[in-house]
Amino acid sequence: MKTRSGAAWCMLGALIWCIDVSGDTIPFGGGIEIEGWRYTPVVSGQAGQKAVHSFVGLLNPSIAAGSNVTAIWYVRQGGQWLPKAWASEPEWKVVESVKAELEIGPEFDDAWFIWGTPEGGEAAPVPEPYRSGFFFTDPIAELAQESPFRDVLVEALMALGYPVADVKFERTSAIADCPSDVVLASIAVGVESQLNISADGEAVARTALAQNCAALCIPWTWVSTPPGPWTCGPWGAYGAPVQFLRTTIGGVQVDCCYSSVRVCSQSQTPTHRCVDCSRATRVVTRTRTDTHTVCCDDTGTLTGSPPQPCTATATCFNSATPPGPATVPTTPGTPGAWPPPTPPW
């Protein structure tokens, strides 16, 4: 991981603070969702002096079409947030690109606020300069930005699969009420206060936003902490055996495999700020299903060609008794997606 050193002064309204950006650069472990985009704060600094280095925004894959911009990386430089973006890139390839740039190790893979699950693999190409919905090199960008119908145009281009991004706080209508740099700086204040003084990050961010944009409440959802630990139920009874034939030097080996499954769950508590500035929390839970399989070599027991069916009871272990609680799964389950909150926001 890359070590940063130095200091920068930042000011938001009447709030002034000094940021020490020495220390490791890592993902926050939570995130903020705003109208189809999930933002992972990337933070730097020593304990008690953490500062937001950048935000990695990822578009919900179910919204993306064609060559849409699917990821934006807002990097802090003084009082500004300089964005660069990727078009039509899978979210984990983007994360791998950021990890490579900042030398963030795989031990933090579960800390990224993504729509799917960590996948590994290659990184996305180098991102391109971007501003308010368009790449710098886009020939229609300047014309579109100056148009009084800019927001409508971006929405239409998104639907057509054009390389643009529809981001709530970049819309002309939103910037008129509150510039995007102020929105990002407000969120950063919330993240930093939570990390450094254990404050309610969402509430602090809302207060910071109100100092500059009093009439505005952005509907956002905060996941302020990493998910809780996985809790697993008991292993179930071994199911019916499955027979596998393997060619060996001596002939054909007959394996009878018996599997047991268990269901594990994990919860987190998001906080939602509504457009009327009211606030709500929900507990959401996702699951995974682990499998433990034991195979018996029944080559000498099951005769014939094809071999006889496997016996209901295993020949090499007591399959009548489920695995004990300390049993390690042979096939760990893949975590499911986080479900929408119930009732909805």
Protein backbone atom coordinates (compact mmCIF):
# COMPACT_ATOMS: atom_id res chain seq x y z
CA MET A 1 0.00 0.00 0.00
CA LYS A 2 1.08 3.51 -0.73
CA THR A 3 2.05 5.80 2.14
CA ARG A 4 1.08 9.44 1.89
CA SER A 5 2.66 12.30 3.78
CA GLY A 6 1.99 15.99 4.10
CA ALA A 7 -0.94 18.16 5.09
CA ALA A 8 -3.67 20.15 3.42
CA TRP A 9 -6.04 22.80 4.71
CA CYS A 10 -9.70 22.50 3.79
CA MET A 11 -12.65 24.75 4.52
CA LEU A 12 -16.36 24.18 4.22
CA GLY A 13 -18.49 27.13 5.29
CA ALA A 14 -17.42 28.07 8.82
CA LEU A 15 -15.79 24.69 9.43
CA ILE A 16 -11.99 24.60 9.06
CA TRP A 17 -9.87 21.58 9.75
CA CYS A 18 -6.33 20.38 9.12
CA ILE A 19 -5.89 17.07 7.33
CA ASP A 20 -2.88 14.85 7.84
CA VAL A 21 -2.82 12.49 4.89
CA SER A 22 0.12 10.38 6.00
CA GLY A 23 -0.51 6.68 6.45
CA ASP A 24 -2.12 3.93 4.42
CA THR A 25 -4.75 4.61 1.76
CA ILE A 26 -7.69 2.20 2.09
CA PRO A 27 -11.42 1.97 1.36
CA PHE A 28 -13.69 3.27 4.13
CA GLY A 29 -15.54 0.00 4.77
CA GLY A 30 -18.95 1.54 4.12
CA GLY A 31 -20.40 3.82 1.48
CA ILE A 32 -23.09 6.17 0.25
CA GLU A 33 -25.74 5.41 -2.36
CA ILE A 34 -27.33 8.26 -4.33
CA GLU A 35 -29.81 7.55 -7.14
CA GLY A 36 -28.26 4.45 -8.66
CA TRP A 37 -24.64 5.23 -7.79
CA ARG A 38 -22.63 3.74 -4.94
CA TYR A 39 -19.70 5.75 -3.64
CA THR A 40 -16.82 4.25 -1.68
CA PRO A 41 -14.80 6.83 0.25
CA VAL A 42 -11.08 6.10 0.02
CA VAL A 43 -9.31 7.42 3.12
CA SER A 44 -5.73 8.18 4.14
CA GLY A 45 -3.99 9.10 7.36
CA GLN A 46 -3.15 7.91 10.83
CA ALA A 47 -5.76 6.93 13.41
CA GLY A 48 -7.62 10.01 14.58
CA GLN A 49 -6.46 12.03 11.56
CA LYS A 50 -8.15 10.21 8.70
CA ALA A 51 -8.99 12.25 5.60
CA VAL A 52 -10.99 11.37 2.50
CA HIS A 53 -8.62 11.04 -0.42
CA SER A 54 -11.28 10.30 -3.06
CA PHE A 55 -14.65 8.77 -3.85
CA VAL A 56 -15.09 5.84 -6.25
CA GLY A 57 -18.59 6.00 -7.75
CA LEU A 58 -20.06 2.89 -9.38
CA LEU A 59 -23.26 2.83 -11.43
CA ASN A 60 -25.82 0.12 -10.77
CA PRO A 61 -25.16 -2.39 -13.60
CA SER A 62 -28.91 -2.83 -14.12
CA ILE A 63 -29.14 0.85 -15.15
CA ALA A 64 -26.17 0.92 -17.55
CA ALA A 65 -26.75 0.69 -21.30
CA GLY A 66 -24.27 0.42 -24.16
CA SER A 67 -21.25 2.68 -23.66
CA ASN A 68 -22.56 4.61 -20.63
CA VAL A 69 -20.08 5.92 -18.10
CA THR A 70 -20.18 3.23 -15.40
CA ALA A 71 -17.62 4.55 -12.91
CA ILE A 72 -16.31 7.95 -11.78
CA TRP A 73 -13.33 8.56 -9.50
CA TYR A 74 -13.47 11.93 -7.73
CA VAL A 75 -9.98 12.73 -6.39
CA ARG A 76 -9.55 15.50 -3.85
CA GLN A 77 -7.19 18.33 -4.71
CA GLY A 78 -7.47 21.16 -2.20
CA GLY A 79 -11.07 22.38 -2.20
CA GLN A 80 -11.90 20.66 -5.49
CA TRP A 81 -12.78 17.13 -6.53
CA LEU A 82 -11.23 16.31 -9.90
CA PRO A 83 -13.08 13.46 -11.63
CA LYS A 84 -11.96 10.88 -14.12
CA ALA A 85 -14.17 8.14 -15.46
CA TRP A 86 -14.58 4.83 -17.24
CA ALA A 87 -17.18 3.87 -19.85
CA SER A 88 -18.80 0.40 -20.03
CA GLU A 89 -16.33 -1.17 -17.60
CA PRO A 90 -17.40 -3.81 -15.05
CA GLU A 91 -17.29 -2.48 -11.51
CA TRP A 92 -14.64 -4.84 -10.17
CA LYS A 93 -12.24 -4.06 -13.01
CA VAL A 94 -12.58 -0.41 -11.98
CA VAL A 95 -11.88 -1.30 -8.35
CA GLU A 96 -8.80 -3.25 -9.43
CA SER A 97 -7.61 -0.19 -11.34
CA VAL A 98 -7.97 2.03 -8.25
CA LYS A 99 -6.32 -0.61 -6.08
CA ALA A 100 -3.35 -0.75 -8.44
CA GLU A 101 -3.00 3.04 -8.56
CA LEU A 102 -3.12 3.42 -4.77
CA GLU A 103 -1.41 0.10 -3.94
CA ILE A 104 -4.36 -1.20 -1.91
CA GLY A 105 -4.08 -4.87 -1.07
CA PRO A 106 -6.66 -7.65 -1.55
CA GLU A 107 -7.20 -7.85 2.22
CA PHE A 108 -9.55 -4.87 1.80
CA ASP A 109 -11.62 -6.37 -1.05
CA ASP A 110 -14.71 -6.73 1.14
CA ALA A 111 -14.55 -3.04 2.13
CA TRP A 112 -15.54 -1.68 -1.31
CA PHE A 113 -19.16 -0.53 -1.59
CA ILE A 114 -20.09 -2.35 -4.79
CA TRP A 115 -23.23 -3.78 -6.34
CA GLY A 116 -21.96 -7.33 -6.73
CA THR A 117 -19.18 -9.30 -5.06
CA PRO A 118 -15.37 -9.07 -5.37
CA GLU A 119 -14.25 -11.02 -8.42
CA GLY A 120 -10.50 -10.54 -8.80
CA GLY A 121 -8.98 -10.41 -12.26
CA GLU A 122 -7.48 -7.68 -14.41
CA ALA A 123 -7.77 -3.95 -13.93
CA ALA A 124 -9.71 -1.57 -16.15
CA PRO A 125 -7.78 0.72 -18.51
CA VAL A 126 -6.59 4.14 -17.33
CA PRO A 127 -9.61 6.41 -16.76
CA GLU A 128 -10.22 9.49 -18.88
CA PRO A 129 -10.73 13.10 -17.73
CA TYR A 130 -14.40 13.78 -17.11
CA ARG A 131 -16.64 16.67 -16.09
CA SER A 132 -20.33 16.84 -15.23
CA GLY A 133 -21.60 13.92 -17.25
CA PHE A 134 -19.20 13.98 -20.23
CA PHE A 135 -15.65 13.04 -21.09
CA PHE A 136 -13.44 16.04 -21.81
CA THR A 137 -12.84 14.76 -25.34
CA ASP A 138 -16.54 14.42 -26.18
CA PRO A 139 -17.27 16.79 -29.12
CA ILE A 140 -20.78 17.58 -27.86
CA ALA A 141 -19.81 18.14 -24.22
CA GLU A 142 -19.45 21.93 -24.35
CA LEU A 143 -22.64 22.39 -26.33
CA ALA A 144 -24.59 20.13 -24.00
CA GLN A 145 -23.27 21.80 -20.83
CA GLU A 146 -24.37 25.23 -22.08
CA SER A 147 -27.82 24.04 -23.09
CA PRO A 148 -30.79 24.93 -20.86
CA PHE A 149 -31.96 21.37 -21.56
CA ARG A 150 -28.70 19.78 -20.42
CA ASP A 151 -30.32 17.42 -17.87
CA VAL A 152 -32.96 16.19 -20.32
CA LEU A 153 -30.30 15.66 -22.98
CA VAL A 154 -28.09 13.61 -20.65
CA GLU A 155 -31.05 11.44 -19.64
CA ALA A 156 -31.87 10.75 -23.28
CA LEU A 157 -28.25 9.99 -24.18
CA MET A 158 -28.03 7.58 -21.25
CA ALA A 159 -31.00 5.64 -22.56
CA LEU A 160 -29.36 5.47 -26.00
CA GLY A 161 -26.16 3.98 -24.55
CA TYR A 162 -24.03 7.08 -25.21
CA PRO A 163 -20.88 7.53 -23.04
CA VAL A 164 -22.40 9.93 -20.49
CA ALA A 165 -23.30 9.75 -16.81
CA ASP A 166 -26.45 11.01 -15.10
CA VAL A 167 -25.28 11.93 -11.58
CA LYS A 168 -27.74 13.70 -9.30
CA PHE A 169 -25.34 16.30 -7.88
CA GLU A 170 -23.88 17.05 -11.34
CA ARG A 171 -27.20 17.99 -12.92
CA THR A 172 -27.71 21.62 -13.84
CA SER A 173 -30.80 21.74 -11.63
CA ALA A 174 -28.82 20.40 -8.65
CA ILE A 175 -25.74 22.57 -9.16
CA ALA A 176 -27.95 25.65 -9.11
CA ASP A 177 -28.88 24.72 -5.53
CA CYS A 178 -25.57 23.24 -4.43
CA PRO A 179 -22.28 22.78 -6.38
CA SER A 180 -21.01 19.21 -6.65
CA ASP A 181 -17.75 20.11 -4.86
CA VAL A 182 -19.79 21.20 -1.83
CA VAL A 183 -21.81 17.98 -1.86
CA LEU A 184 -18.67 15.82 -1.97
CA ALA A 185 -16.92 17.95 0.67
CA SER A 186 -19.96 17.61 2.96
CA ILE A 187 -19.96 13.84 2.61
CA ALA A 188 -16.22 13.81 3.28
CA VAL A 189 -16.74 15.78 6.50
CA GLY A 190 -19.22 13.14 7.64
CA VAL A 191 -16.90 10.25 6.82
CA GLU A 192 -13.94 11.91 8.56
CA SER A 193 -15.93 12.75 11.68
CA GLN A 194 -17.09 9.18 11.96
CA LEU A 195 -13.58 7.78 11.55
CA ASN A 196 -11.81 10.32 13.76
CA ILE A 197 -14.23 11.04 16.59
CA SER A 198 -16.85 8.27 16.21
CA ALA A 199 -19.56 10.79 15.30
CA ASP A 200 -22.76 10.04 13.37
CA GLY A 201 -21.26 10.54 9.91
CA GLU A 202 -24.56 10.87 8.05
CA ALA A 203 -25.87 13.51 10.45
CA VAL A 204 -22.61 15.47 10.31
CA ALA A 205 -22.66 15.38 6.49
CA ARG A 206 -26.24 16.65 6.43
CA THR A 207 -25.32 19.52 8.81
CA ALA A 208 -22.30 20.44 6.67
CA LEU A 209 -24.47 20.42 3.55
CA ALA A 210 -27.08 22.61 5.22
CA GLN A 211 -24.46 25.25 6.02
CA ASN A 212 -24.05 25.91 2.31
CA CYS A 213 -27.25 24.53 0.76
CA ALA A 214 -29.91 25.08 3.40
CA ALA A 215 -32.89 24.25 1.21
CA LEU A 216 -31.43 21.01 -0.14
CA CYS A 217 -31.80 17.49 1.22
CA ILE A 218 -30.23 14.90 -1.05
CA PRO A 219 -31.94 11.50 -0.77
CA TRP A 220 -28.96 9.34 0.08
CA THR A 221 -28.41 6.06 1.86
CA TRP A 222 -25.41 5.64 4.13
CA VAL A 223 -23.82 2.38 5.13
CA SER A 224 -21.62 3.77 7.87
CA THR A 225 -19.89 0.62 9.03
CA PRO A 226 -18.76 -2.66 7.50
CA PRO A 227 -21.32 -5.48 7.65
CA GLY A 228 -21.49 -7.50 10.84
CA PRO A 229 -19.98 -10.98 11.17
CA TRP A 230 -21.41 -13.98 9.41
CA THR A 231 -23.62 -16.12 11.64
CA CYS A 232 -24.14 -19.71 10.54
CA GLY A 233 -26.89 -22.14 11.42
CA PRO A 234 -26.28 -25.85 12.08
CA TRP A 235 -25.23 -28.22 9.35
CA GLY A 236 -28.13 -30.15 7.92
CA ALA A 237 -28.40 -33.91 7.41
CA TYR A 238 -26.33 -35.44 4.64
CA GLY A 239 -28.36 -35.68 1.45
CA ALA A 240 -28.69 -38.51 -1.04
CA PRO A 241 -25.35 -39.67 -2.43
CA VAL A 242 -24.05 -38.66 -5.83
CA GLN A 243 -21.92 -41.17 -7.72
CA PHE A 244 -18.79 -40.15 -9.66
CA LEU A 245 -16.68 -42.39 -11.90
CA ARG A 246 -13.00 -41.56 -12.33
CA THR A 247 -10.61 -43.26 -14.74
CA THR A 248 -7.45 -44.42 -12.97
CA ILE A 249 -4.39 -46.45 -13.98
CA GLY A 250 -6.01 -49.54 -12.50
CA GLY A 251 -9.38 -49.03 -14.12
CA VAL A 252 -12.37 -47.05 -12.92
CA GLN A 253 -12.75 -45.63 -9.40
CA VAL A 254 -16.25 -45.33 -7.99
CA ASP A 255 -16.79 -42.44 -5.56
CA CYS A 256 -19.97 -41.92 -3.56
CA CYS A 257 -20.23 -38.36 -2.29
CA TYR A 258 -22.50 -37.15 0.51
CA SER A 259 -23.16 -33.44 1.09
CA SER A 260 -24.51 -31.35 3.92
CA VAL A 261 -25.40 -27.65 3.72
CA ARG A 262 -25.79 -24.81 6.17
CA VAL A 263 -27.18 -21.30 5.73
CA CYS A 264 -25.20 -18.31 7.00
CA SER A 265 -26.44 -14.73 7.33
CA GLN A 266 -24.88 -11.29 7.64
CA SER A 267 -26.56 -7.97 8.50
CA GLN A 268 -25.89 -4.28 8.15
CA THR A 269 -27.82 -1.15 9.12
CA PRO A 270 -28.13 1.55 6.44
CA THR A 271 -29.41 5.05 7.21
CA HIS A 272 -31.53 6.93 4.68
CA ARG A 273 -32.07 10.67 4.38
CA CYS A 274 -35.34 11.47 2.62
CA VAL A 275 -35.99 14.41 0.32
CA ASP A 276 -38.05 16.05 3.10
CA CYS A 277 -34.96 15.77 5.35
CA SER A 278 -36.47 13.09 7.58
CA ARG A 279 -34.25 10.12 8.46
CA ALA A 280 -34.83 6.38 8.77
CA THR A 281 -32.81 3.25 9.43
CA ARG A 282 -33.34 -0.38 8.46
CA VAL A 283 -31.60 -3.66 9.12
CA VAL A 284 -30.95 -5.66 5.93
CA THR A 285 -29.67 -9.22 5.82
CA ARG A 286 -28.06 -11.29 3.11
CA THR A 287 -27.29 -15.02 3.11
CA ARG A 288 -24.94 -17.59 1.70
CA THR A 289 -25.15 -21.38 1.60
CA ASP A 290 -22.06 -23.42 2.51
CA THR A 291 -21.55 -27.05 1.49
CA HIS A 292 -19.52 -29.79 3.15
CA THR A 293 -18.96 -32.90 1.04
CA VAL A 294 -17.36 -36.23 1.97
CA CYS A 295 -16.61 -38.83 -0.70
CA CYS A 296 -16.08 -42.56 -0.17
CA ASP A 297 -14.08 -44.73 -2.54
CA ASP A 298 -16.52 -47.59 -3.11
CA THR A 299 -14.69 -49.19 -6.02
CA GLY A 300 -14.50 -52.58 -4.34
CA THR A 301 -18.01 -52.37 -2.90
CA LEU A 302 -20.12 -51.43 -5.91
CA THR A 303 -19.66 -53.97 -8.66
CA GLY A 304 -20.98 -54.25 -12.17
CA SER A 305 -20.82 -52.08 -15.25
CA PRO A 306 -22.20 -49.60 -14.81
CA PRO A 307 -21.60 -49.87 -11.06
CA GLN A 308 -24.45 -50.42 -8.62
CA PRO A 309 -26.02 -47.26 -7.12
CA CYS A 310 -24.42 -45.75 -4.05
CA THR A 311 -25.82 -46.90 -0.73
CA ALA A 312 -27.96 -44.48 1.26
CA THR A 313 -25.55 -44.80 4.18
CA ALA A 314 -21.89 -43.98 3.57
CA THR A 315 -19.34 -46.76 3.90
CA CYS A 316 -16.40 -44.63 5.07
CA PHE A 317 -17.97 -42.36 7.73
CA ASN A 318 -21.14 -41.96 9.77
CA SER A 319 -23.39 -40.11 7.32
CA ALA A 320 -26.37 -40.48 9.66
CA THR A 321 -24.95 -37.71 11.87
CA PRO A 322 -24.73 -34.14 10.51
CA PRO A 323 -21.33 -32.41 10.59
CA GLY A 324 -20.35 -30.74 13.86
CA PRO A 325 -20.38 -26.94 14.30
CA ALA A 326 -16.60 -26.68 13.81
CA THR A 327 -16.74 -28.37 10.41
CA VAL A 328 -15.12 -26.33 7.65
CA PRO A 329 -17.09 -26.15 4.39
CA THR A 330 -15.48 -27.79 1.39
CA THR A 331 -17.35 -25.31 -0.82
CA PRO A 332 -17.95 -21.95 0.87
CA GLY A 333 -21.06 -20.21 -0.38
CA THR A 334 -21.07 -17.02 -2.44
CA PRO A 335 -22.73 -14.15 -0.54
CA GLY A 336 -25.99 -13.04 -2.06
CA ALA A 337 -26.74 -9.43 -2.94
CA TRP A 338 -28.01 -7.12 -0.23
CA PRO A 339 -31.79 -7.01 -0.52
CA PRO A 340 -33.72 -3.75 -0.64
CA PRO A 341 -34.89 -2.54 2.77
CA THR A 342 -38.29 -3.62 4.04
CA PRO A 343 -40.41 -1.57 4.19
CA PRO A 344 -38.93 0.57 1.38
CA TRP A 345 -37.53 4.00 2.15
